[in-house]
Amino acid sequence: MLTEEEERILKLMVAEITARTKLNNVNQTMGEAIRAQFSSIDAAIRAQYKPIYEPLQIDVKTAQDNLKKEFE
C-alpha cells in the first residue's frame, strides 16, 4: 500500500512522462514537416541553378583532368 505522498509523487511522475511523450510526438511531427519543406525548397533551388552549376562542374572536371594529364 502506498502512502499519500508516494501516490502524489507517482501521479506527478506520470503527468511529467505523459507531457514529455506528447511533446516528443509534436517535435517529431514538426521535424518531419520541416524536412519535407526543406526537401521541396532544396529541389526548387537546385532546379533553378542547374543550368548555371552543371556547366561549371564540367569545367572544373575538365580542368582537373587536364591538370592530371600534365603530371602523368
PDB file of N, CA and C in Angstrom:
ATOM      1  N   MET A   1       0.844  -1.178   0.000  1.00  0.00           N
ATOM      2  CA  MET A   1       0.000   0.000   0.000  1.00  0.00           C
ATOM      3  C   MET A   1       0.888   1.240   0.000  1.00  0.00           C
ATOM      4  N   LEU A   2       0.501   2.212  -0.810  1.00  0.00           N
ATOM      5  CA  LEU A   2       1.289   3.436  -0.919  1.00  0.00           C
ATOM      6  C   LEU A   2       0.792   4.501   0.046  1.00  0.00           C
ATOM      7  N   THR A   3       1.733   5.303   0.479  1.00  0.00           N
ATOM      8  CA  THR A   3       1.335   6.448   1.309  1.00  0.00           C
ATOM      9  C   THR A   3       0.767   7.522   0.383  1.00  0.00           C
ATOM     10  N   GLU A   4       0.092   8.497   0.962  1.00  0.00           N
ATOM     11  CA  GLU A   4      -0.457   9.597   0.162  1.00  0.00           C
ATOM     12  C   GLU A   4       0.654  10.327  -0.577  1.00  0.00           C
ATOM     13  N   GLU A   5       1.776  10.527   0.085  1.00  0.00           N
ATOM     14  CA  GLU A   5       2.902  11.230  -0.541  1.00  0.00           C
ATOM     15  C   GLU A   5       3.454  10.429  -1.721  1.00  0.00           C
ATOM     16  N   GLU A   6       3.606   9.108  -1.554  1.00  0.00           N
ATOM     17  CA  GLU A   6       4.110   8.263  -2.635  1.00  0.00           C
ATOM     18  C   GLU A   6       3.139   8.275  -3.817  1.00  0.00           C
ATOM     19  N   GLU A   7       1.853   8.210  -3.513  1.00  0.00           N
ATOM     20  CA  GLU A   7       0.844   8.239  -4.563  1.00  0.00           C
ATOM     21  C   GLU A   7       0.881   9.579  -5.310  1.00  0.00           C
ATOM     22  N   ARG A   8       1.003  10.672  -4.570  1.00  0.00           N
ATOM     23  CA  ARG A   8       1.080  12.011  -5.162  1.00  0.00           C
ATOM     24  C   ARG A   8       2.322  12.126  -6.057  1.00  0.00           C
ATOM     25  N   ILE A   9       3.454  11.598  -5.589  1.00  0.00           N
ATOM     26  CA  ILE A   9       4.694  11.627  -6.369  1.00  0.00           C
ATOM     27  C   ILE A   9       4.550  10.809  -7.646  1.00  0.00           C
ATOM     28  N   LEU A  10       3.955   9.632  -7.534  1.00  0.00           N
ATOM     29  CA  LEU A  10       3.752   8.793  -8.716  1.00  0.00           C
ATOM     30  C   LEU A  10       2.850   9.475  -9.735  1.00  0.00           C
ATOM     31  N   LYS A  11       1.795  10.129  -9.276  1.00  0.00           N
ATOM     32  CA  LYS A  11       0.894  10.843 -10.179  1.00  0.00           C
ATOM     33  C   LYS A  11       1.630  11.989 -10.878  1.00  0.00           C
ATOM     34  N   LEU A  12       2.491  12.683 -10.141  1.00  0.00           N
ATOM     35  CA  LEU A  12       3.277  13.760 -10.737  1.00  0.00           C
ATOM     36  C   LEU A  12       4.265  13.204 -11.772  1.00  0.00           C
ATOM     37  N   MET A  13       4.859  12.067 -11.457  1.00  0.00           N
ATOM     38  CA  MET A  13       5.793  11.450 -12.401  1.00  0.00           C
ATOM     39  C   MET A  13       5.073  11.012 -13.674  1.00  0.00           C
ATOM     40  N   VAL A  14       3.875  10.445 -13.507  1.00  0.00           N
ATOM     41  CA  VAL A  14       3.087  10.023 -14.668  1.00  0.00           C
ATOM     42  C   VAL A  14       2.704  11.239 -15.506  1.00  0.00           C
ATOM     43  N   ALA A  15       2.317  12.330 -14.865  1.00  0.00           N
ATOM     44  CA  ALA A  15       1.968  13.551 -15.585  1.00  0.00           C
ATOM     45  C   ALA A  15       3.164  14.078 -16.372  1.00  0.00           C
ATOM     46  N   GLU A  16       4.339  14.039 -15.764  1.00  0.00           N
ATOM     47  CA  GLU A  16       5.557  14.524 -16.439  1.00  0.00           C
ATOM     48  C   GLU A  16       5.897  13.637 -17.632  1.00  0.00           C
ATOM     49  N   ILE A  17       5.819  12.344 -17.465  1.00  0.00           N
ATOM     50  CA  ILE A  17       6.118  11.407 -18.555  1.00  0.00           C
ATOM     51  C   ILE A  17       5.109  11.574 -19.687  1.00  0.00           C
ATOM     52  N   THR A  18       3.854  11.723 -19.350  1.00  0.00           N
ATOM     53  CA  THR A  18       2.808  11.914 -20.359  1.00  0.00           C
ATOM     54  C   THR A  18       3.040  13.202 -21.145  1.00  0.00           C
ATOM     55  N   ALA A  19       3.339  14.285 -20.426  1.00  0.00           N
ATOM     56  CA  ALA A  19       3.592  15.567 -21.090  1.00  0.00           C
ATOM     57  C   ALA A  19       4.828  15.479 -21.984  1.00  0.00           C
ATOM     58  N   ARG A  20       5.883  14.835 -21.498  1.00  0.00           N
ATOM     59  CA  ARG A  20       7.115  14.694 -22.286  1.00  0.00           C
ATOM     60  C   ARG A  20       6.857  13.870 -23.546  1.00  0.00           C
ATOM     61  N   THR A  21       6.066  12.808 -23.428  1.00  0.00           N
ATOM     62  CA  THR A  21       5.740  11.969 -24.576  1.00  0.00           C
ATOM     63  C   THR A  21       4.962  12.769 -25.625  1.00  0.00           C
ATOM     64  N   LYS A  22       3.986  13.545 -25.171  1.00  0.00           N
ATOM     65  CA  LYS A  22       3.217  14.380 -26.102  1.00  0.00           C
ATOM     66  C   LYS A  22       4.120  15.407 -26.789  1.00  0.00           C
ATOM     67  N   LEU A  23       5.013  16.018 -26.022  1.00  0.00           N
ATOM     68  CA  LEU A  23       5.948  16.994 -26.591  1.00  0.00           C
ATOM     69  C   LEU A  23       6.859  16.326 -27.616  1.00  0.00           C
ATOM     70  N   ASN A  24       7.374  15.153 -27.309  1.00  0.00           N
ATOM     71  CA  ASN A  24       8.231  14.433 -28.244  1.00  0.00           C
ATOM     72  C   ASN A  24       7.494  14.120 -29.539  1.00  0.00           C
ATOM     73  N   ASN A  25       6.234  13.737 -29.429  1.00  0.00           N
ATOM     74  CA  ASN A  25       5.436  13.446 -30.625  1.00  0.00           C
ATOM     75  C   ASN A  25       5.259  14.691 -31.492  1.00  0.00           C
ATOM     76  N   VAL A  26       4.977  15.824 -30.849  1.00  0.00           N
ATOM     77  CA  VAL A  26       4.818  17.078 -31.594  1.00  0.00           C
ATOM     78  C   VAL A  26       6.145  17.475 -32.233  1.00  0.00           C
ATOM     79  N   ASN A  27       7.243  17.361 -31.496  1.00  0.00           N
ATOM     80  CA  ASN A  27       8.556  17.695 -32.044  1.00  0.00           C
ATOM     81  C   ASN A  27       8.905  16.818 -33.235  1.00  0.00           C
ATOM     82  N   GLN A  28       8.562  15.556 -33.165  1.00  0.00           N
ATOM     83  CA  GLN A  28       8.835  14.640 -34.272  1.00  0.00           C
ATOM     84  C   GLN A  28       8.010  15.038 -35.495  1.00  0.00           C
ATOM     85  N   THR A  29       6.748  15.351 -35.291  1.00  0.00           N
ATOM     86  CA  THR A  29       5.885  15.770 -36.392  1.00  0.00           C
ATOM     87  C   THR A  29       6.402  17.059 -37.024  1.00  0.00           C
ATOM     88  N   MET A  30       6.797  18.015 -36.189  1.00  0.00           N
ATOM     89  CA  MET A  30       7.357  19.272 -36.707  1.00  0.00           C
ATOM     90  C   MET A  30       8.631  19.004 -37.502  1.00  0.00           C
ATOM     91  N   GLY A  31       9.498  18.156 -36.983  1.00  0.00           N
ATOM     92  CA  GLY A  31      10.743  17.832 -37.670  1.00  0.00           C
ATOM     93  C   GLY A  31      10.494  17.229 -39.039  1.00  0.00           C
ATOM     94  N   GLU A  32       9.518  16.328 -39.116  1.00  0.00           N
ATOM     95  CA  GLU A  32       9.179  15.712 -40.402  1.00  0.00           C
ATOM     96  C   GLU A  32       8.638  16.754 -41.371  1.00  0.00           C
ATOM     97  N   ALA A  33       7.803  17.668 -40.873  1.00  0.00           N
ATOM     98  CA  ALA A  33       7.254  18.725 -41.721  1.00  0.00           C
ATOM     99  C   ALA A  33       8.362  19.660 -42.214  1.00  0.00           C
ATOM    100  N   ILE A  34       9.284  19.989 -41.334  1.00  0.00           N
ATOM    101  CA  ILE A  34      10.401  20.864 -41.716  1.00  0.00           C
ATOM    102  C   ILE A  34      11.259  20.186 -42.771  1.00  0.00           C
ATOM    103  N   ARG A  35      11.574  18.906 -42.567  1.00  0.00           N
ATOM    104  CA  ARG A  35      12.397  18.189 -43.553  1.00  0.00           C
ATOM    105  C   ARG A  35      11.685  18.100 -44.895  1.00  0.00           C
ATOM    106  N   ALA A  36      10.383  17.899 -44.897  1.00  0.00           N
ATOM    107  CA  ALA A  36       9.633  17.837 -46.154  1.00  0.00           C
ATOM    108  C   ALA A  36       9.677  19.182 -46.870  1.00  0.00           C
ATOM    109  N   GLN A  37       9.490  20.271 -46.128  1.00  0.00           N
ATOM    110  CA  GLN A  37       9.562  21.602 -46.725  1.00  0.00           C
ATOM    111  C   GLN A  37      10.967  21.890 -47.239  1.00  0.00           C
ATOM    112  N   PHE A  38      11.960  21.521 -46.460  1.00  0.00           N
ATOM    113  CA  PHE A  38      13.340  21.740 -46.872  1.00  0.00           C
ATOM    114  C   PHE A  38      13.631  21.006 -48.175  1.00  0.00           C
ATOM    115  N   SER A  39      13.160  19.774 -48.284  1.00  0.00           N
ATOM    116  CA  SER A  39      13.389  18.991 -49.500  1.00  0.00           C
ATOM    117  C   SER A  39      12.767  19.681 -50.705  1.00  0.00           C
ATOM    118  N   SER A  40      11.576  20.211 -50.532  1.00  0.00           N
ATOM    119  CA  SER A  40      10.911  20.910 -51.633  1.00  0.00           C
ATOM    120  C   SER A  40      11.674  22.168 -52.031  1.00  0.00           C
ATOM    121  N   ILE A  41      12.092  22.928 -51.036  1.00  0.00           N
ATOM    122  CA  ILE A  41      12.849  24.158 -51.297  1.00  0.00           C
ATOM    123  C   ILE A  41      14.185  23.810 -51.953  1.00  0.00           C
ATOM    124  N   ASP A  42      14.865  22.802 -51.433  1.00  0.00           N
ATOM    125  CA  ASP A  42      16.151  22.378 -51.981  1.00  0.00           C
ATOM    126  C   ASP A  42      16.007  21.972 -53.444  1.00  0.00           C
ATOM    127  N   ALA A  43      14.986  21.183 -53.755  1.00  0.00           N
ATOM    128  CA  ALA A  43      14.772  20.739 -55.133  1.00  0.00           C
ATOM    129  C   ALA A  43      14.483  21.922 -56.061  1.00  0.00           C
ATOM    130  N   ALA A  44      13.686  22.867 -55.596  1.00  0.00           N
ATOM    131  CA  ALA A  44      13.354  24.039 -56.420  1.00  0.00           C
ATOM    132  C   ALA A  44      14.589  24.892 -56.692  1.00  0.00           C
ATOM    133  N   ILE A  45      15.402  25.107 -55.673  1.00  0.00           N
ATOM    134  CA  ILE A  45      16.608  25.930 -55.849  1.00  0.00           C
ATOM    135  C   ILE A  45      17.614  25.217 -56.749  1.00  0.00           C
ATOM    136  N   ARG A  46      17.784  23.920 -56.549  1.00  0.00           N
ATOM    137  CA  ARG A  46      18.713  23.166 -57.403  1.00  0.00           C
ATOM    138  C   ARG A  46      18.261  23.208 -58.859  1.00  0.00           C
ATOM    139  N   ALA A  47      16.965  23.070 -59.101  1.00  0.00           N
ATOM    140  CA  ALA A  47      16.447  23.128 -60.472  1.00  0.00           C
ATOM    141  C   ALA A  47      16.692  24.510 -61.072  1.00  0.00           C
ATOM    142  N   GLN A  48      16.529  25.543 -60.271  1.00  0.00           N
ATOM    143  CA  GLN A  48      16.728  26.912 -60.732  1.00  0.00           C
ATOM    144  C   GLN A  48      18.190  27.160 -61.127  1.00  0.00           C
ATOM    145  N   TYR A  49      19.110  26.626 -60.351  1.00  0.00           N
ATOM    146  CA  TYR A  49      20.533  26.881 -60.585  1.00  0.00           C
ATOM    147  C   TYR A  49      21.225  25.812 -61.439  1.00  0.00           C
ATOM    148  N   LYS A  50      20.507  24.752 -61.786  1.00  0.00           N
ATOM    149  CA  LYS A  50      21.102  23.653 -62.548  1.00  0.00           C
ATOM    150  C   LYS A  50      21.766  24.123 -63.840  1.00  0.00           C
ATOM    151  N   PRO A  51      21.130  25.002 -64.627  1.00  0.00           N
ATOM    152  CA  PRO A  51      21.778  25.444 -65.867  1.00  0.00           C
ATOM    153  C   PRO A  51      23.076  26.225 -65.617  1.00  0.00           C
ATOM    154  N   ILE A  52      23.226  26.750 -64.420  1.00  0.00           N
ATOM    155  CA  ILE A  52      24.428  27.516 -64.100  1.00  0.00           C
ATOM    156  C   ILE A  52      25.520  26.604 -63.555  1.00  0.00           C
ATOM    157  N   TYR A  53      25.154  25.741 -62.601  1.00  0.00           N
ATOM    158  CA  TYR A  53      26.207  24.977 -61.935  1.00  0.00           C
ATOM    159  C   TYR A  53      26.662  23.746 -62.708  1.00  0.00           C
ATOM    160  N   GLU A  54      25.803  23.136 -63.520  1.00  0.00           N
ATOM    161  CA  GLU A  54      26.246  21.943 -64.254  1.00  0.00           C
ATOM    162  C   GLU A  54      27.384  22.249 -65.225  1.00  0.00           C
ATOM    163  N   PRO A  55      27.293  23.290 -66.040  1.00  0.00           N
ATOM    164  CA  PRO A  55      28.427  23.600 -66.916  1.00  0.00           C
ATOM    165  C   PRO A  55      29.701  23.928 -66.124  1.00  0.00           C
ATOM    166  N   LEU A  56      29.536  24.578 -64.971  1.00  0.00           N
ATOM    167  CA  LEU A  56      30.700  24.889 -64.148  1.00  0.00           C
ATOM    168  C   LEU A  56      31.320  23.621 -63.580  1.00  0.00           C
ATOM    169  N   GLN A  57      30.487  22.667 -63.215  1.00  0.00           N
ATOM    170  CA  GLN A  57      31.014  21.388 -62.732  1.00  0.00           C
ATOM    171  C   GLN A  57      31.817  20.696 -63.832  1.00  0.00           C
ATOM    172  N   ILE A  58      31.305  20.763 -65.044  1.00  0.00           N
ATOM    173  CA  ILE A  58      32.013  20.163 -66.179  1.00  0.00           C
ATOM    174  C   ILE A  58      33.342  20.873 -66.402  1.00  0.00           C
ATOM    175  N   ASP A  59      33.347  22.214 -66.312  1.00  0.00           N
ATOM    176  CA  ASP A  59      34.584  22.980 -66.457  1.00  0.00           C
ATOM    177  C   ASP A  59      35.615  22.580 -65.404  1.00  0.00           C
ATOM    178  N   VAL A  60      35.165  22.434 -64.158  1.00  0.00           N
ATOM    179  CA  VAL A  60      36.073  22.041 -63.080  1.00  0.00           C
ATOM    180  C   VAL A  60      36.641  20.654 -63.350  1.00  0.00           C
ATOM    181  N   LYS A  61      35.782  19.720 -63.733  1.00  0.00           N
ATOM    182  CA  LYS A  61      36.219  18.348 -64.007  1.00  0.00           C
ATOM    183  C   LYS A  61      37.215  18.325 -65.168  1.00  0.00           C
ATOM    184  N   THR A  62      36.933  19.076 -66.218  1.00  0.00           N
ATOM    185  CA  THR A  62      37.829  19.139 -67.369  1.00  0.00           C
ATOM    186  C   THR A  62      39.185  19.700 -66.961  1.00  0.00           C
ATOM    187  N   ALA A  63      39.180  20.782 -66.178  1.00  0.00           N
ATOM    188  CA  ALA A  63      40.428  21.384 -65.717  1.00  0.00           C
ATOM    189  C   ALA A  63      41.213  20.412 -64.847  1.00  0.00           C
ATOM    190  N   GLN A  64      40.524  19.685 -63.977  1.00  0.00           N
ATOM    191  CA  GLN A  64      41.195  18.697 -63.124  1.00  0.00           C
ATOM    192  C   GLN A  64      41.814  17.583 -63.969  1.00  0.00           C
ATOM    193  N   ASP A  65      41.038  17.111 -64.957  1.00  0.00           N
ATOM    194  CA  ASP A  65      41.539  16.051 -65.838  1.00  0.00           C
ATOM    195  C   ASP A  65      42.756  16.524 -66.621  1.00  0.00           C
ATOM    196  N   ASN A  66      42.718  17.749 -67.146  1.00  0.00           N
ATOM    197  CA  ASN A  66      43.833  18.286 -67.902  1.00  0.00           C
ATOM    198  C   ASN A  66      45.073  18.443 -67.019  1.00  0.00           C
ATOM    199  N   LEU A  67      44.876  18.900 -65.801  1.00  0.00           N
ATOM    200  CA  LEU A  67      45.993  19.026 -64.874  1.00  0.00           C
ATOM    201  C   LEU A  67      46.587  17.668 -64.537  1.00  0.00           C
ATOM    202  N   LYS A  68      45.719  16.709 -64.335  1.00  0.00           N
ATOM    203  CA  LYS A  68      46.175  15.343 -64.019  1.00  0.00           C
ATOM    204  C   LYS A  68      47.008  14.780 -65.174  1.00  0.00           C
ATOM    205  N   LYS A  69      46.581  15.029 -66.399  1.00  0.00           N
ATOM    206  CA  LYS A  69      47.302  14.542 -67.579  1.00  0.00           C
ATOM    207  C   LYS A  69      48.699  15.140 -67.649  1.00  0.00           C
ATOM    208  N   GLU A  70      48.836  16.362 -67.205  1.00  0.00           N
ATOM    209  CA  GLU A  70      50.152  17.032 -67.214  1.00  0.00           C
ATOM    210  C   GLU A  70      51.165  16.299 -66.344  1.00  0.00           C
ATOM    211  N   PHE A  71      50.702  15.670 -65.301  1.00  0.00           N
ATOM    212  CA  PHE A  71      51.603  15.027 -64.360  1.00  0.00           C
ATOM    213  C   PHE A  71      51.760  13.527 -64.593  1.00  0.00           C
ATOM    214  N   GLU A  72      51.131  13.024 -65.628  1.00  0.00           N
ATOM    215  CA  GLU A  72      51.246  11.575 -65.916  1.00  0.00           C
ATOM    216  C   GLU A  72      52.474  11.291 -66.739  1.00  0.00           C
TER     217      GLU A  72
END
